[in-house]
Amino acid sequence: MTAQTSGSTAIQHAIDEAKSRYRASNPKSWAQHQKAARVLPGGNTRTVLFSDPFPITLASAEGCRVTSLDGQTYTDFLGEFTAGLYGHSDPILKQAMMLAMESGWVRGGHIEQEEQLASLICNRFPSIAQIRFANSGTEATLYALSSARVVSGKNKVVVFEGAYHGGVFTFGAQVSPLTAPFDFVRAPYNNWEETEALLNANKDDLACVIIEPMQGSGGCIVADPDFLRALRDWTKARGVILIFDEVQTSRLAGGGLQGVYGIEPDMTTLGKYIGGGFSFGAFGGRADIMERFNPLRPDYIAHAGTFNNNVFTMSVGVAGLSKVYTPEAAAALTSRGDALRNRLNEIASNASFPMQFTGIGSMMNVHMCEGPVRSIRDLVGSNLPLRDLFYFDLVEQGYWPARRGMFNLSLPMGDAEISGLTDVVARFVRDRSALTQ
């Protein structure tokens, strides 16, 4: 038996033991999963939250913690995949929600808060002259891509390997059969030479290019600013619409990563935390593009949606952006996240196995691989069983990350939560190093 085979066997044995303890500690979640499986495929209606041998069911949440049916309380580093920026019980957001509830909902008409939220967003993002609301990042992407095709009169859409632009726009290592049937051209992330060749080959029927300034679902893989600038220059010179998907990354600065880099796309999609915990999506951009949605135009594009301006999202979103997540608060949280990631990478450098954390600010992802991670191509040799073991070890010690290794900070987190995470990561490095030696 080779050392590598021996290490793999040891890791699998450790995973089996961890799963056994997991089952024993969560009997009520197991019972709830069995009930759910009778009416939901796999007991699940959101694949990313599923975790074998069964998912833990959460019963309540407060601050930066979640509590399961089995009474286990976890420090929440999943952060609802960046939507949980404000935590679970911010008093300012709660007050806004209660006022909205008292004033009545599902009104079926315009409300003041939709203009207020739109103004807050447009003021933060210079590239967004006007904006439209939707109910999710997925919807926002759908409308942005469709708008670009209508306005340009062309069909093709350049996307990037590893991208996730919503439930029907997934471009990971495996092609999702649910991906919408647009005419997509997949380009390599952070590889300008190959990307430019694809752009040139498809320029005659290219409606738009869409990119995340940092891939979220792909593993918090950061785009090289020079790569983004090259995209901006190429698309601008040829009249091709450039779309930045900042559904997640907009939290990293007052004006998103586009503001940090000084790059203005033609359109931007938003979602997640801006709704303050309620369903939210938005797409906006240049005035000449967005003006096509003006119902007073004879050639207007219709855009409906029962809950686009729902009173809860609009009211809580306004309170969040105006009173809680100011540009100054965004800068402070990003600084804390950068410091945490640097500390985690120091700890990981002492491991006997490859381990690193990528990301920017309050968003990061662990990878069990060597070398720089510039695209999902660099993750081919990752030790996924070891990442699974990392997940089970953290859950057992009271920490709640994403199964795929994503960690997101929330505003209620203090020094105790940050120190606690560094301690459990250090323990993992210390206790599990023997498995790979």
Protein backbone atom coordinates (compact mmCIF):
# COMPACT_ATOMS: atom_id res chain seq x y z
CA MET A 1 0.00 0.00 0.00
CA THR A 2 1.42 3.40 -1.01
CA ALA A 3 1.57 6.35 1.39
CA GLN A 4 -1.10 8.13 -0.66
CA THR A 5 -3.43 5.11 -0.52
CA SER A 6 -2.80 4.75 3.19
CA GLY A 7 -3.62 8.41 3.71
CA SER A 8 -6.84 8.14 1.71
CA THR A 9 -7.92 5.12 3.71
CA ALA A 10 -7.19 6.90 6.98
CA ILE A 11 -9.17 9.96 5.89
CA GLN A 12 -12.13 7.83 4.86
CA HIS A 13 -12.03 6.01 8.17
CA ALA A 14 -12.01 9.35 10.00
CA ILE A 15 -14.99 10.52 7.90
CA ASP A 16 -16.92 7.36 8.74
CA GLU A 17 -16.28 7.92 12.44
CA ALA A 18 -17.30 11.58 12.15
CA LYS A 19 -20.55 10.64 10.38
CA SER A 20 -21.30 8.09 13.08
CA ARG A 21 -21.00 10.77 15.76
CA TYR A 22 -23.04 13.14 13.58
CA ARG A 23 -25.90 10.63 13.38
CA ALA A 24 -25.82 10.00 17.11
CA SER A 25 -25.89 13.72 17.93
CA ASN A 26 -28.78 14.66 15.65
CA PRO A 27 -31.67 12.17 16.05
CA LYS A 28 -34.40 14.83 15.73
CA SER A 29 -32.90 16.15 12.49
CA TRP A 30 -32.81 12.59 11.17
CA ALA A 31 -36.48 12.10 12.07
CA GLN A 32 -37.39 15.40 10.42
CA HIS A 33 -35.45 14.46 7.31
CA GLN A 34 -37.39 11.21 7.04
CA LYS A 35 -40.68 13.14 7.30
CA ALA A 36 -39.54 15.66 4.69
CA ALA A 37 -38.44 12.91 2.29
CA ARG A 38 -42.06 11.78 1.98
CA VAL A 39 -43.09 15.04 0.33
CA LEU A 40 -39.83 16.57 -0.95
CA PRO A 41 -37.38 14.75 -3.26
CA GLY A 42 -34.56 13.70 -0.96
CA GLY A 43 -36.25 15.67 1.80
CA ASN A 44 -34.88 18.79 0.14
CA THR A 45 -35.95 21.84 -1.82
CA ARG A 46 -32.55 23.56 -2.05
CA THR A 47 -29.73 21.31 -3.17
CA VAL A 48 -26.85 23.40 -1.82
CA LEU A 49 -28.11 22.87 1.75
CA PHE A 50 -28.26 19.10 1.51
CA SER A 51 -25.56 17.17 3.35
CA ASP A 52 -25.20 13.44 3.65
CA PRO A 53 -25.91 11.32 5.63
CA PHE A 54 -28.78 13.79 6.25
CA PRO A 55 -29.01 17.55 6.74
CA ILE A 56 -29.31 19.12 10.16
CA THR A 57 -32.63 20.94 10.59
CA LEU A 58 -32.40 24.42 12.08
CA ALA A 59 -35.09 25.49 14.54
CA SER A 60 -34.06 29.06 15.34
CA ALA A 61 -31.41 31.74 14.85
CA GLU A 62 -30.24 34.82 16.69
CA GLY A 63 -27.35 37.19 16.16
CA CYS A 64 -24.64 35.17 14.45
CA ARG A 65 -25.79 31.77 15.73
CA VAL A 66 -28.20 29.09 14.60
CA THR A 67 -29.76 26.34 16.72
CA SER A 68 -30.87 22.91 15.52
CA LEU A 69 -33.89 20.79 16.39
CA ASP A 70 -31.53 18.76 18.54
CA GLY A 71 -30.60 21.80 20.62
CA GLN A 72 -27.11 22.23 19.17
CA THR A 73 -26.06 25.87 18.74
CA TYR A 74 -23.56 26.80 16.02
CA THR A 75 -21.63 29.94 15.18
CA ASP A 76 -22.92 30.72 11.72
CA PHE A 77 -20.08 31.11 9.25
CA LEU A 78 -22.24 30.04 6.31
CA GLY A 79 -24.11 33.33 6.51
CA GLU A 80 -26.82 32.14 4.11
CA PHE A 81 -24.22 32.14 1.32
CA THR A 82 -23.64 35.92 1.83
CA ALA A 83 -27.35 36.85 2.16
CA GLY A 84 -27.06 36.67 5.96
CA LEU A 85 -24.78 39.70 6.20
CA TYR A 86 -26.89 41.32 8.92
CA GLY A 87 -27.13 38.20 11.03
CA HIS A 88 -30.46 36.86 12.20
CA SER A 89 -31.96 39.48 14.49
CA ASP A 90 -30.70 42.99 13.76
CA PRO A 91 -32.97 45.35 15.76
CA ILE A 92 -33.04 48.06 13.08
CA LEU A 93 -34.12 45.60 10.40
CA LYS A 94 -36.63 44.04 12.78
CA GLN A 95 -38.20 47.43 13.44
CA ALA A 96 -38.46 48.11 9.70
CA MET A 97 -40.11 44.74 9.20
CA MET A 98 -42.62 45.36 11.99
CA LEU A 99 -43.53 48.77 10.60
CA ALA A 100 -44.07 47.19 7.18
CA MET A 101 -46.24 44.51 8.73
CA GLU A 102 -48.36 47.04 10.58
CA SER A 103 -48.92 49.05 7.40
CA GLY A 104 -50.19 46.03 5.45
CA TRP A 105 -48.58 44.00 2.70
CA VAL A 106 -49.34 42.66 -0.82
CA ARG A 107 -50.73 46.07 -1.67
CA GLY A 108 -50.71 45.77 -5.45
CA GLY A 109 -49.41 49.28 -6.03
CA HIS A 110 -46.32 51.45 -5.95
CA ILE A 111 -44.77 52.15 -2.55
CA GLU A 112 -42.37 54.89 -1.44
CA GLN A 113 -39.70 52.44 -0.34
CA GLU A 114 -39.06 51.12 -3.86
CA GLU A 115 -37.84 54.56 -4.93
CA GLN A 116 -35.85 54.91 -1.71
CA LEU A 117 -34.06 51.59 -2.17
CA ALA A 118 -33.43 52.31 -5.85
CA SER A 119 -31.91 55.68 -4.97
CA LEU A 120 -29.64 54.16 -2.33
CA ILE A 121 -28.32 51.59 -4.79
CA CYS A 122 -27.88 54.02 -7.69
CA ASN A 123 -25.99 56.42 -5.44
CA ARG A 124 -23.57 53.66 -4.40
CA PHE A 125 -22.94 52.28 -7.88
CA PRO A 126 -21.97 54.96 -10.43
CA SER A 127 -22.49 52.45 -13.24
CA ILE A 128 -26.16 52.00 -12.30
CA ALA A 129 -28.15 54.94 -13.66
CA GLN A 130 -31.45 53.11 -13.24
CA ILE A 131 -32.51 49.81 -11.73
CA ARG A 132 -35.31 47.22 -11.75
CA PHE A 133 -36.14 44.86 -8.90
CA ALA A 134 -36.77 41.13 -9.00
CA ASN A 135 -36.99 38.32 -6.44
CA SER A 136 -33.60 36.61 -6.64
CA GLY A 137 -30.16 36.77 -8.16
CA THR A 138 -31.28 34.12 -10.63
CA GLU A 139 -34.08 36.35 -11.88
CA ALA A 140 -31.74 39.32 -12.03
CA THR A 141 -29.35 37.39 -14.27
CA LEU A 142 -32.16 36.17 -16.49
CA TYR A 143 -33.44 39.69 -17.05
CA ALA A 144 -29.97 41.17 -17.55
CA LEU A 145 -29.01 38.60 -20.18
CA SER A 146 -32.37 38.86 -21.92
CA SER A 147 -32.14 42.66 -21.90
CA ALA A 148 -28.68 42.58 -23.45
CA ARG A 149 -29.88 40.29 -26.22
CA VAL A 150 -32.88 42.52 -26.99
CA VAL A 151 -30.92 45.78 -26.92
CA SER A 152 -27.99 44.42 -28.96
CA GLY A 153 -30.08 42.38 -31.38
CA LYS A 154 -27.55 39.57 -30.95
CA ASN A 155 -27.69 36.17 -29.26
CA LYS A 156 -24.43 34.83 -27.88
CA VAL A 157 -23.42 35.20 -24.23
CA VAL A 158 -19.87 34.72 -22.97
CA VAL A 159 -19.70 33.15 -19.51
CA PHE A 160 -16.77 31.76 -17.56
CA GLU A 161 -15.86 28.31 -16.32
CA GLY A 162 -16.77 27.96 -12.66
CA ALA A 163 -19.39 30.71 -12.78
CA TYR A 164 -22.67 30.59 -10.93
CA HIS A 165 -25.21 33.21 -11.94
CA GLY A 166 -28.25 31.54 -10.38
CA GLY A 167 -30.08 28.24 -10.28
CA VAL A 168 -30.45 28.03 -14.06
CA PHE A 169 -27.06 29.56 -14.88
CA THR A 170 -24.49 27.13 -13.55
CA PHE A 171 -21.14 26.64 -15.30
CA GLY A 172 -19.06 24.47 -12.98
CA ALA A 173 -17.01 21.42 -13.86
CA GLN A 174 -20.25 19.56 -14.59
CA VAL A 175 -22.79 21.03 -16.99
CA SER A 176 -26.17 21.38 -15.28
CA PRO A 177 -29.09 20.03 -17.34
CA LEU A 178 -31.21 22.86 -15.90
CA THR A 179 -29.03 25.61 -17.37
CA ALA A 180 -31.20 27.90 -19.49
CA PRO A 181 -30.88 27.29 -23.24
CA PHE A 182 -29.09 30.50 -24.18
CA ASP A 183 -26.30 30.40 -26.74
CA PHE A 184 -23.45 30.34 -24.24
CA VAL A 185 -19.73 30.48 -24.99
CA ARG A 186 -17.65 29.24 -22.02
CA ALA A 187 -14.33 31.02 -21.52
CA PRO A 188 -11.53 30.27 -19.02
CA TYR A 189 -11.55 32.54 -15.97
CA ASN A 190 -8.43 34.72 -15.55
CA ASN A 191 -6.95 33.58 -18.87
CA TRP A 192 -6.98 36.56 -21.20
CA GLU A 193 -5.22 34.92 -24.14
CA GLU A 194 -7.79 32.13 -24.51
CA THR A 195 -10.69 34.42 -23.63
CA GLU A 196 -9.69 37.01 -26.23
CA ALA A 197 -9.51 34.32 -28.89
CA LEU A 198 -13.07 33.21 -28.05
CA LEU A 199 -14.33 36.79 -28.01
CA ASN A 200 -12.84 37.47 -31.41
CA ALA A 201 -14.23 34.25 -32.84
CA ASN A 202 -17.77 35.13 -31.71
CA LYS A 203 -17.78 38.93 -31.97
CA ASP A 204 -20.26 39.15 -34.84
CA ASP A 205 -23.14 37.68 -32.80
CA LEU A 206 -22.04 38.51 -29.27
CA ALA A 207 -24.68 40.22 -27.15
CA CYS A 208 -22.86 40.37 -23.84
CA VAL A 209 -20.20 39.10 -21.48
CA ILE A 210 -21.15 38.30 -17.87
CA ILE A 211 -18.61 37.77 -15.10
CA GLU A 212 -18.33 37.64 -11.32
CA PRO A 213 -15.45 39.87 -10.11
CA MET A 214 -14.90 37.03 -7.66
CA GLN A 215 -16.49 33.66 -8.29
CA GLY A 216 -18.56 32.70 -5.26
CA SER A 217 -19.89 29.21 -5.84
CA GLY A 218 -16.70 28.40 -7.73
CA GLY A 219 -14.75 28.76 -4.48
CA CYS A 220 -14.14 32.48 -3.84
CA ILE A 221 -11.75 32.70 -6.77
CA VAL A 222 -10.69 36.30 -7.34
CA ALA A 223 -10.60 37.81 -10.80
CA ASP A 224 -7.34 39.52 -11.69
CA PRO A 225 -8.18 43.25 -12.00
CA ASP A 226 -6.12 43.40 -15.20
CA PHE A 227 -8.24 40.59 -16.62
CA LEU A 228 -11.41 42.56 -15.82
CA ARG A 229 -9.93 45.70 -17.38
CA ALA A 230 -9.03 43.81 -20.54
CA LEU A 231 -12.64 42.59 -20.75
CA ARG A 232 -13.91 46.13 -20.24
CA ASP A 233 -11.63 47.53 -22.93
CA TRP A 234 -12.50 44.80 -25.46
CA THR A 235 -16.26 45.01 -24.95
CA LYS A 236 -16.34 48.80 -24.92
CA ALA A 237 -14.38 49.04 -28.15
CA ARG A 238 -16.88 46.75 -29.90
CA GLY A 239 -20.15 47.85 -28.32
CA VAL A 240 -20.64 44.55 -26.48
CA ILE A 241 -22.52 44.82 -23.18
CA LEU A 242 -20.43 43.91 -20.13
CA ILE A 243 -22.37 42.62 -17.11
CA PHE A 244 -20.87 42.32 -13.64
CA ASP A 245 -22.63 39.80 -11.42
CA GLU A 246 -22.16 41.39 -8.01
CA VAL A 247 -24.95 39.44 -6.31
CA GLN A 248 -22.42 38.38 -3.69
CA THR A 249 -19.42 40.67 -4.15
CA SER A 250 -21.35 43.93 -3.79
CA ARG A 251 -21.02 43.45 -0.01
CA LEU A 252 -17.23 43.80 -0.19
CA ALA A 253 -17.25 47.59 -0.53
CA GLY A 254 -19.72 50.45 -0.59
CA GLY A 255 -19.86 50.28 -4.37
CA GLY A 256 -18.93 46.63 -4.84
CA LEU A 257 -15.73 45.37 -6.40
CA GLN A 258 -16.36 47.48 -9.48
CA GLY A 259 -15.91 50.49 -7.23
CA VAL A 260 -12.73 49.09 -5.71
CA TYR A 261 -11.21 48.47 -9.14
CA GLY A 262 -12.61 51.57 -10.81
CA ILE A 263 -14.21 49.52 -13.60
CA GLU A 264 -17.73 50.43 -14.73
CA PRO A 265 -19.71 47.66 -16.44
CA ASP A 266 -22.71 48.40 -18.64
CA MET A 267 -25.02 46.40 -16.40
CA THR A 268 -24.85 45.00 -12.87
CA THR A 269 -26.86 42.28 -11.15
CA LEU A 270 -27.48 42.33 -7.40
CA GLY A 271 -29.19 40.15 -4.81
CA LYS A 272 -28.63 38.38 -1.49
CA TYR A 273 -28.09 40.66 1.53
CA ILE A 274 -29.57 43.84 0.02
CA GLY A 275 -33.05 42.55 0.85
CA GLY A 276 -32.05 42.33 4.50
CA GLY A 277 -32.97 38.65 4.65
CA PHE A 278 -36.02 38.81 2.40
CA SER A 279 -36.10 37.64 -1.22
CA PHE A 280 -34.31 40.14 -3.42
CA GLY A 281 -32.78 40.56 -6.84
CA ALA A 282 -32.02 43.56 -9.04
CA PHE A 283 -30.53 44.45 -12.40
CA GLY A 284 -29.49 47.90 -13.52
CA GLY A 285 -27.05 49.83 -15.59
CA ARG A 286 -26.72 52.41 -18.33
CA ALA A 287 -29.68 54.70 -18.80
CA ASP A 288 -30.08 53.89 -22.48
CA ILE A 289 -30.38 50.17 -21.69
CA MET A 290 -32.70 50.52 -18.71
CA GLU A 291 -34.88 53.08 -20.45
CA ARG A 292 -36.17 50.24 -22.62
CA PHE A 293 -38.23 49.17 -19.61
CA ASN A 294 -40.11 52.48 -19.50
CA PRO A 295 -43.79 51.59 -20.13
CA LEU A 296 -44.34 54.99 -21.78
CA ARG A 297 -42.12 53.98 -24.71
CA PRO A 298 -43.89 52.47 -27.72
CA ASP A 299 -41.18 49.77 -27.88
CA TYR A 300 -40.90 49.12 -24.15
CA ILE A 301 -39.90 45.76 -22.68
CA ALA A 302 -42.46 44.47 -20.20
CA HIS A 303 -41.09 43.23 -16.88
CA ALA A 304 -43.59 41.97 -14.31
CA GLY A 305 -43.31 40.14 -10.99
CA THR A 306 -45.84 40.02 -8.18
CA PHE A 307 -43.26 40.48 -5.45
CA ASN A 308 -40.76 42.76 -7.21
CA ASN A 309 -41.65 45.65 -4.90
CA ASN A 310 -42.93 43.69 -1.90
CA VAL A 311 -43.18 45.85 1.17
CA PHE A 312 -40.93 43.71 3.38
CA THR A 313 -37.94 43.58 1.04
CA MET A 314 -38.20 47.24 0.11
CA SER A 315 -38.61 48.48 3.70
CA VAL A 316 -35.95 46.28 5.27
CA GLY A 317 -33.59 46.87 2.35
CA VAL A 318 -33.83 50.62 2.83
CA ALA A 319 -33.18 50.35 6.57
CA GLY A 320 -30.20 48.07 6.00
CA LEU A 321 -28.40 50.16 3.41
CA SER A 322 -29.18 53.54 4.96
CA LYS A 323 -28.70 52.79 8.65
CA VAL A 324 -26.63 49.63 9.05
CA TYR A 325 -24.45 48.63 6.10
CA THR A 326 -22.99 51.98 5.21
CA PRO A 327 -19.90 52.17 2.99
CA GLU A 328 -17.87 52.64 6.17
CA ALA A 329 -19.35 49.47 7.70
CA ALA A 330 -18.57 47.58 4.49
CA ALA A 331 -14.94 48.71 4.59
CA ALA A 332 -14.60 47.67 8.23
CA LEU A 333 -16.07 44.21 7.64
CA THR A 334 -13.86 43.66 4.61
CA SER A 335 -10.81 44.58 6.66
CA ARG A 336 -11.78 42.11 9.38
CA GLY A 337 -12.29 39.41 6.81
CA ASP A 338 -8.93 40.00 5.17
CA ALA A 339 -7.22 39.77 8.55
CA LEU A 340 -9.04 36.53 9.36
CA ARG A 341 -8.17 34.95 6.00
CA ASN A 342 -4.52 35.87 6.40
CA ARG A 343 -4.47 34.30 9.86
CA LEU A 344 -6.17 31.13 8.60
CA ASN A 345 -3.61 30.83 5.81
CA GLU A 346 -0.82 31.13 8.36
CA ILE A 347 -2.36 28.24 10.27
CA ALA A 348 -2.91 26.22 7.09
CA SER A 349 0.73 26.66 6.07
CA ASN A 350 1.70 24.45 9.03
CA ALA A 351 -0.44 21.52 7.89
CA SER A 352 1.07 18.31 6.55
CA PHE A 353 -1.47 18.45 3.72
CA PRO A 354 -2.21 21.17 1.14
CA MET A 355 -4.70 23.69 2.55
CA GLN A 356 -5.43 27.32 1.74
CA PHE A 357 -8.16 29.95 2.00
CA THR A 358 -9.02 32.13 -0.99
CA GLY A 359 -11.30 35.14 -1.16
CA ILE A 360 -11.67 38.82 -0.40
CA GLY A 361 -12.84 40.38 2.82
CA SER A 362 -15.86 38.77 4.43
CA MET A 363 -16.08 35.96 1.83
CA MET A 364 -13.62 33.07 1.77
CA ASN A 365 -13.32 29.41 0.82
CA VAL A 366 -11.04 26.60 1.95
CA HIS A 367 -9.28 24.49 -0.70
CA MET A 368 -7.26 21.36 -0.06
CA CYS A 369 -4.80 21.89 -2.91
CA GLU A 370 -1.43 23.39 -3.68
CA GLY A 371 -0.49 26.36 -5.82
CA PRO A 372 -2.33 29.55 -6.74
CA VAL A 373 -6.06 29.17 -7.37
CA ARG A 374 -6.95 31.35 -10.37
CA SER A 375 -9.72 29.23 -11.84
CA ILE A 376 -11.57 25.97 -11.24
CA ARG A 377 -8.94 24.31 -13.44
CA ASP A 378 -6.55 24.72 -10.50
CA LEU A 379 -8.87 22.70 -8.24
CA VAL A 380 -8.73 19.47 -10.22
CA GLY A 381 -6.36 17.80 -7.75
CA SER A 382 -8.13 18.97 -4.59
CA ASN A 383 -8.51 16.48 -1.73
CA LEU A 384 -12.30 16.55 -1.46
CA PRO A 385 -12.57 13.83 1.23
CA LEU A 386 -10.29 15.91 3.45
CA ARG A 387 -12.52 18.92 2.87
CA ASP A 388 -15.52 16.82 3.91
CA LEU A 389 -13.73 15.80 7.08
CA PHE A 390 -12.99 19.47 7.77
CA TYR A 391 -16.71 20.21 7.51
CA PHE A 392 -17.72 17.45 9.94
CA ASP A 393 -15.01 18.43 12.41
CA LEU A 394 -16.17 22.04 12.46
CA VAL A 395 -19.84 21.15 12.83
CA GLU A 396 -19.01 18.82 15.70
CA GLN A 397 -17.24 21.70 17.44
CA GLY A 398 -20.12 24.12 17.01
CA TYR A 399 -19.27 25.94 13.78
CA TRP A 400 -21.57 26.18 10.78
CA PRO A 401 -19.77 26.54 7.41
CA ALA A 402 -20.92 25.57 3.94
CA ARG A 403 -20.27 21.92 3.12
CA ARG A 404 -18.29 23.06 0.07
CA GLY A 405 -15.93 25.03 2.31
CA MET A 406 -17.30 28.56 2.05
CA PHE A 407 -17.13 30.92 5.05
CA ASN A 408 -18.88 34.29 5.28
CA LEU A 409 -18.67 36.84 8.06
CA SER A 410 -21.73 38.66 9.36
CA LEU A 411 -21.99 41.98 11.15
CA PRO A 412 -22.85 40.56 14.61
CA MET A 413 -19.60 38.61 14.76
CA GLY A 414 -17.05 39.79 17.30
CA ASP A 415 -13.55 38.88 18.36
CA ALA A 416 -14.79 35.77 20.19
CA GLU A 417 -16.30 34.26 17.04
CA ILE A 418 -13.25 35.12 14.93
CA SER A 419 -10.86 33.68 17.51
CA GLY A 420 -13.03 30.62 17.89
CA LEU A 421 -12.81 29.83 14.19
CA THR A 422 -9.04 30.21 14.12
CA ASP A 423 -8.82 27.87 17.11
CA VAL A 424 -10.86 25.08 15.51
CA VAL A 425 -8.95 25.39 12.23
CA ALA A 426 -5.68 25.15 14.17
CA ARG A 427 -7.02 22.09 15.94
CA PHE A 428 -7.94 20.48 12.62
CA VAL A 429 -4.45 21.13 11.26
CA ARG A 430 -2.87 19.71 14.40
CA ASP A 431 -5.11 16.67 14.93
CA ARG A 432 -5.60 15.63 11.31
CA SER A 433 -2.05 16.05 10.03
CA ALA A 434 -1.24 12.48 11.09
CA LEU A 435 -3.79 11.18 8.57
CA THR A 436 -1.67 12.22 5.59
CA GLN A 437 1.80 11.44 6.89
